[in-house]
Amino acid sequence: MDRSRALKPVWLLAGGPGSRRRGPDPLIQRALSLAGKPSPAVAYVGAPSGDNRAFFVMIAALLKKAGAGEVTLVRFCGRRPDLERARAELARADLVFVTGGDVEEGMRVLEATGAVAGLRELAARGVPFLGVSAGSIMLARSWVRWRDPRDEASAELFPCLGIADVWCDTHGEAEGWEELAALARIAPEGSVGHGIPTGAGLVVHPDGALEAAGSPVHRFESRAGAAVRIGDLEPPAIPRP
């Protein structure tokens, strides 16, 4: 059996200020459809936002408006999180959602609680994943940080979940994709970083194909230690299932 047949596309959404619609978000609707059932149960991973309850309530409402059923906050933050309960909640989910917030802090929490391997295993079993903002970056290969915020030369990559085999940034178009460009400058030669604009998405298919959703995705290539803007990834005329 081809193991890739069990895998599902990973949906990486930008979110960002002003990206919410009055009606159901069609990109979230497409992502939820991967669960293959009406009103799918969603496990909400809130580690990037410190399991913030108000943020969860707001995002859960958007997910339900798009067709989600029960949305459960899977808690990994705090002094003594109930990790057995968290694993059980993830196991019951039809789709895993990783929310926005702080990428580095979110990864620190998931690594400290041993959740990284479990999330990767769920993806390998065919559970669909959806991220927004920092959650999208966390689902990708790695991200950039600075050992010394005052020294550009101190930039380094740190690993993320790697469930989506890409590099990406979200809603950074107003700043000229500064962090994504920094990542491209230190990534391996020929690497391509994807900037997902506000309100748009990037779909990473199991065969490695990439699909822009909603609007073009901006791209930067690593060339001789520089970040070079290359052609945008355009949405297809007929989206893939």
Protein backbone atom coordinates (compact mmCIF):
# COMPACT_ATOMS: atom_id res chain seq x y z
CA MET A 1 0.00 0.00 0.00
CA ASP A 2 1.25 3.49 -0.89
CA ARG A 3 1.57 5.22 2.51
CA SER A 4 1.00 8.62 0.88
CA ARG A 5 -2.59 7.62 0.10
CA ALA A 6 -3.43 7.85 3.81
CA LEU A 7 -2.05 11.36 4.08
CA LYS A 8 -4.22 14.45 3.79
CA PRO A 9 -3.36 17.88 2.41
CA VAL A 10 -2.21 20.32 5.09
CA TRP A 11 -3.95 23.70 5.06
CA LEU A 12 -1.89 26.72 6.07
CA LEU A 13 -3.95 29.91 6.43
CA ALA A 14 -2.63 33.41 7.04
CA GLY A 15 -5.49 34.89 9.03
CA GLY A 16 -4.42 38.34 10.10
CA PRO A 17 -6.21 41.63 10.80
CA GLY A 18 -9.20 42.24 8.56
CA SER A 19 -9.21 38.73 7.12
CA ARG A 20 -12.44 37.60 8.76
CA ARG A 21 -15.59 37.44 6.63
CA ARG A 22 -19.20 37.94 7.64
CA GLY A 23 -20.20 34.52 6.33
CA PRO A 24 -18.43 31.16 6.57
CA ASP A 25 -14.80 31.26 5.48
CA PRO A 26 -14.59 29.21 2.24
CA LEU A 27 -10.96 28.25 2.89
CA ILE A 28 -11.80 26.87 6.33
CA GLN A 29 -14.76 25.07 4.77
CA ARG A 30 -12.47 23.37 2.23
CA ALA A 31 -10.05 22.36 4.98
CA LEU A 32 -12.83 20.92 7.15
CA SER A 33 -14.10 18.88 4.22
CA LEU A 34 -10.92 16.79 4.42
CA ALA A 35 -12.37 15.12 7.50
CA GLY A 36 -14.86 13.38 5.22
CA LYS A 37 -17.88 13.84 7.44
CA PRO A 38 -20.41 16.53 8.34
CA SER A 39 -19.72 18.60 11.46
CA PRO A 40 -16.24 17.15 12.13
CA ALA A 41 -14.84 17.24 15.66
CA VAL A 42 -11.88 19.63 15.87
CA ALA A 43 -9.00 19.45 18.35
CA TYR A 44 -7.83 23.03 18.95
CA VAL A 45 -4.11 23.24 19.86
CA GLY A 46 -3.73 26.54 21.68
CA ALA A 47 -0.07 26.31 22.72
CA PRO A 48 1.02 29.29 20.56
CA SER A 49 -1.42 31.56 22.44
CA GLY A 50 -0.87 30.10 25.91
CA ASP A 51 -4.25 28.31 25.69
CA ASN A 52 -5.90 31.74 25.87
CA ARG A 53 -9.59 31.13 26.52
CA ALA A 54 -10.96 34.30 24.87
CA PHE A 55 -8.93 33.62 21.73
CA PHE A 56 -10.21 30.04 21.69
CA VAL A 57 -13.84 31.15 21.94
CA MET A 58 -13.38 33.56 19.02
CA ILE A 59 -11.65 31.03 16.74
CA ALA A 60 -14.00 28.19 17.70
CA ALA A 61 -16.92 30.35 16.56
CA LEU A 62 -15.26 30.83 13.16
CA LEU A 63 -14.64 27.09 12.84
CA LYS A 64 -18.25 26.28 13.73
CA LYS A 65 -19.56 28.89 11.31
CA ALA A 66 -17.59 27.07 8.60
CA GLY A 67 -19.14 23.71 9.51
CA ALA A 68 -17.16 22.28 12.42
CA GLY A 69 -18.95 20.33 15.10
CA GLU A 70 -17.48 20.15 18.61
CA VAL A 71 -14.28 22.20 19.01
CA THR A 72 -12.16 21.11 22.00
CA LEU A 73 -9.36 23.16 23.52
CA VAL A 74 -6.49 20.69 23.98
CA ARG A 75 -4.50 22.14 26.87
CA PHE A 76 -0.72 21.84 26.92
CA CYS A 77 0.08 25.05 28.83
CA GLY A 78 0.21 25.70 32.54
CA ARG A 79 2.25 24.17 35.32
CA ARG A 80 0.67 20.73 35.30
CA PRO A 81 -1.23 20.05 32.07
CA ASP A 82 -3.21 16.82 31.92
CA LEU A 83 -1.23 15.21 29.10
CA GLU A 84 -3.17 11.95 29.14
CA ARG A 85 -6.39 13.88 28.62
CA ALA A 86 -4.76 15.96 25.87
CA ARG A 87 -3.67 12.84 24.00
CA ALA A 88 -7.17 11.36 24.30
CA GLU A 89 -8.75 14.55 22.95
CA LEU A 90 -6.39 14.56 19.98
CA ALA A 91 -7.11 10.89 19.30
CA ARG A 92 -10.86 11.57 19.10
CA ALA A 93 -10.51 14.46 16.66
CA ASP A 94 -11.48 14.39 12.99
CA LEU A 95 -9.17 17.36 12.34
CA VAL A 96 -6.41 19.12 14.29
CA PHE A 97 -6.30 22.92 14.28
CA VAL A 98 -3.18 24.83 15.41
CA THR A 99 -3.94 28.41 16.34
CA GLY A 100 -2.01 31.67 16.10
CA GLY A 101 0.23 33.38 18.62
CA ASP A 102 3.98 32.95 19.14
CA VAL A 103 5.78 30.34 17.02
CA GLU A 104 8.82 29.84 19.25
CA GLU A 105 6.80 29.67 22.47
CA GLY A 106 4.29 27.30 20.87
CA MET A 107 7.05 24.93 19.79
CA ARG A 108 8.69 25.15 23.23
CA VAL A 109 5.44 24.04 24.88
CA LEU A 110 4.86 21.17 22.45
CA GLU A 111 8.43 19.93 22.83
CA ALA A 112 8.36 20.22 26.64
CA THR A 113 5.15 18.21 26.86
CA GLY A 114 6.25 15.53 24.39
CA ALA A 115 3.40 16.41 22.03
CA VAL A 116 5.48 16.78 18.85
CA ALA A 117 5.80 13.05 18.10
CA GLY A 118 2.11 12.44 18.76
CA LEU A 119 1.02 15.21 16.39
CA ARG A 120 3.30 13.90 13.66
CA GLU A 121 1.90 10.41 14.17
CA LEU A 122 -1.67 11.68 13.77
CA ALA A 123 -0.73 13.32 10.47
CA ALA A 124 0.94 10.12 9.28
CA ARG A 125 -2.29 8.22 10.06
CA GLY A 126 -4.27 10.55 7.82
CA VAL A 127 -5.75 13.02 10.31
CA PRO A 128 -6.02 16.38 8.49
CA PHE A 129 -4.28 19.46 9.91
CA LEU A 130 -5.21 23.11 9.60
CA GLY A 131 -3.13 26.02 10.86
CA VAL A 132 -3.62 29.77 11.00
CA SER A 133 -0.97 32.48 11.38
CA ALA A 134 1.70 31.22 13.82
CA GLY A 135 0.01 27.81 13.72
CA SER A 136 0.70 27.59 9.99
CA ILE A 137 4.37 28.37 10.54
CA MET A 138 4.55 25.74 13.29
CA LEU A 139 3.13 23.09 10.95
CA ALA A 140 5.95 23.82 8.46
CA ARG A 141 9.63 22.79 8.52
CA SER A 142 11.33 25.43 10.65
CA TRP A 143 11.35 29.12 11.53
CA VAL A 144 13.87 31.88 12.20
CA ARG A 145 14.97 33.51 15.45
CA TRP A 146 17.81 35.79 16.54
CA ARG A 147 20.22 34.88 19.35
CA ASP A 148 20.85 38.62 19.65
CA PRO A 149 17.87 40.74 18.46
CA ARG A 150 20.29 43.61 17.74
CA ASP A 151 22.51 41.51 15.46
CA GLU A 152 21.10 40.41 12.11
CA ALA A 153 24.00 37.98 11.72
CA SER A 154 22.75 36.03 14.77
CA ALA A 155 19.72 34.69 12.85
CA GLU A 156 19.26 30.93 13.03
CA LEU A 157 16.65 28.33 12.14
CA PHE A 158 14.83 26.24 14.73
CA PRO A 159 12.70 23.16 13.98
CA CYS A 160 8.94 23.17 13.80
CA LEU A 161 6.52 20.25 13.39
CA GLY A 162 7.42 19.52 9.77
CA ILE A 163 3.96 18.15 9.01
CA ALA A 164 3.89 20.44 5.97
CA ASP A 165 7.16 20.11 4.05
CA VAL A 166 7.56 23.83 3.29
CA TRP A 167 8.87 27.07 4.72
CA CYS A 168 6.22 29.75 5.14
CA ASP A 169 5.31 33.03 6.76
CA THR A 170 1.88 34.60 7.19
CA HIS A 171 0.33 38.08 6.77
CA GLY A 172 3.74 39.79 6.54
CA GLU A 173 3.16 41.59 3.26
CA ALA A 174 2.91 45.05 4.86
CA GLU A 175 6.46 44.68 6.24
CA GLY A 176 7.86 43.29 2.99
CA TRP A 177 8.13 39.77 4.45
CA GLU A 178 11.15 40.74 6.58
CA GLU A 179 11.26 37.53 8.63
CA LEU A 180 10.67 35.28 5.62
CA ALA A 181 13.49 37.05 3.77
CA ALA A 182 15.75 36.53 6.79
CA LEU A 183 14.90 32.84 6.74
CA ALA A 184 15.66 32.61 3.02
CA ARG A 185 19.07 34.22 3.54
CA ILE A 186 20.20 31.44 5.89
CA ALA A 187 18.26 28.50 4.43
CA PRO A 188 20.00 25.97 2.16
CA GLU A 189 20.80 27.21 -1.34
CA GLY A 190 17.77 27.04 -3.63
CA SER A 191 15.24 26.83 -0.80
CA VAL A 192 11.94 28.61 -1.38
CA GLY A 193 10.01 30.40 1.34
CA HIS A 194 6.29 31.08 0.88
CA GLY A 195 4.60 34.25 2.09
CA ILE A 196 0.88 33.69 2.63
CA PRO A 197 -0.89 37.08 2.48
CA THR A 198 -3.73 38.11 4.77
CA GLY A 199 -6.87 36.13 4.02
CA ALA A 200 -5.09 33.61 1.78
CA GLY A 201 -3.90 30.05 2.21
CA LEU A 202 -1.31 27.54 1.05
CA VAL A 203 -2.31 23.90 0.58
CA VAL A 204 0.48 21.31 0.85
CA HIS A 205 -0.64 18.13 -0.89
CA PRO A 206 0.69 14.68 0.07
CA ASP A 207 2.57 14.35 -3.24
CA GLY A 208 4.45 17.59 -2.52
CA ALA A 209 2.40 19.77 -4.86
CA LEU A 210 1.63 23.24 -3.53
CA GLU A 211 -1.58 25.17 -4.16
CA ALA A 212 -2.28 28.81 -3.47
CA ALA A 213 -5.80 29.38 -2.13
CA GLY A 214 -7.73 32.64 -2.14
CA SER A 215 -4.97 34.80 -3.64
CA PRO A 216 -1.38 34.44 -4.93
CA VAL A 217 1.28 33.30 -2.47
CA HIS A 218 4.54 35.28 -2.55
CA ARG A 219 7.84 33.42 -2.86
CA PHE A 220 11.49 34.04 -2.00
CA GLU A 221 14.40 31.83 -3.06
CA SER A 222 17.73 31.47 -1.26
CA ARG A 223 20.54 32.38 -3.66
CA ALA A 224 24.11 32.83 -2.45
CA GLY A 225 22.99 34.01 0.97
CA ALA A 226 20.42 36.43 -0.38
CA ALA A 227 16.61 36.32 -0.49
CA VAL A 228 15.47 36.75 -4.10
CA ARG A 229 11.80 37.40 -4.86
CA ILE A 230 10.60 34.99 -7.55
CA GLY A 231 7.24 34.54 -9.27
CA ASP A 232 4.13 34.18 -7.15
CA LEU A 233 2.36 30.87 -6.74
CA GLU A 234 -1.00 31.53 -8.42
CA PRO A 235 -4.28 29.86 -7.39
CA PRO A 236 -5.31 27.15 -9.88
CA ALA A 237 -8.32 27.66 -12.12
CA ILE A 238 -9.78 24.45 -10.67
CA PRO A 239 -8.67 23.74 -7.09
CA ARG A 240 -7.48 20.23 -6.28
CA PRO A 241 -9.67 18.14 -4.00
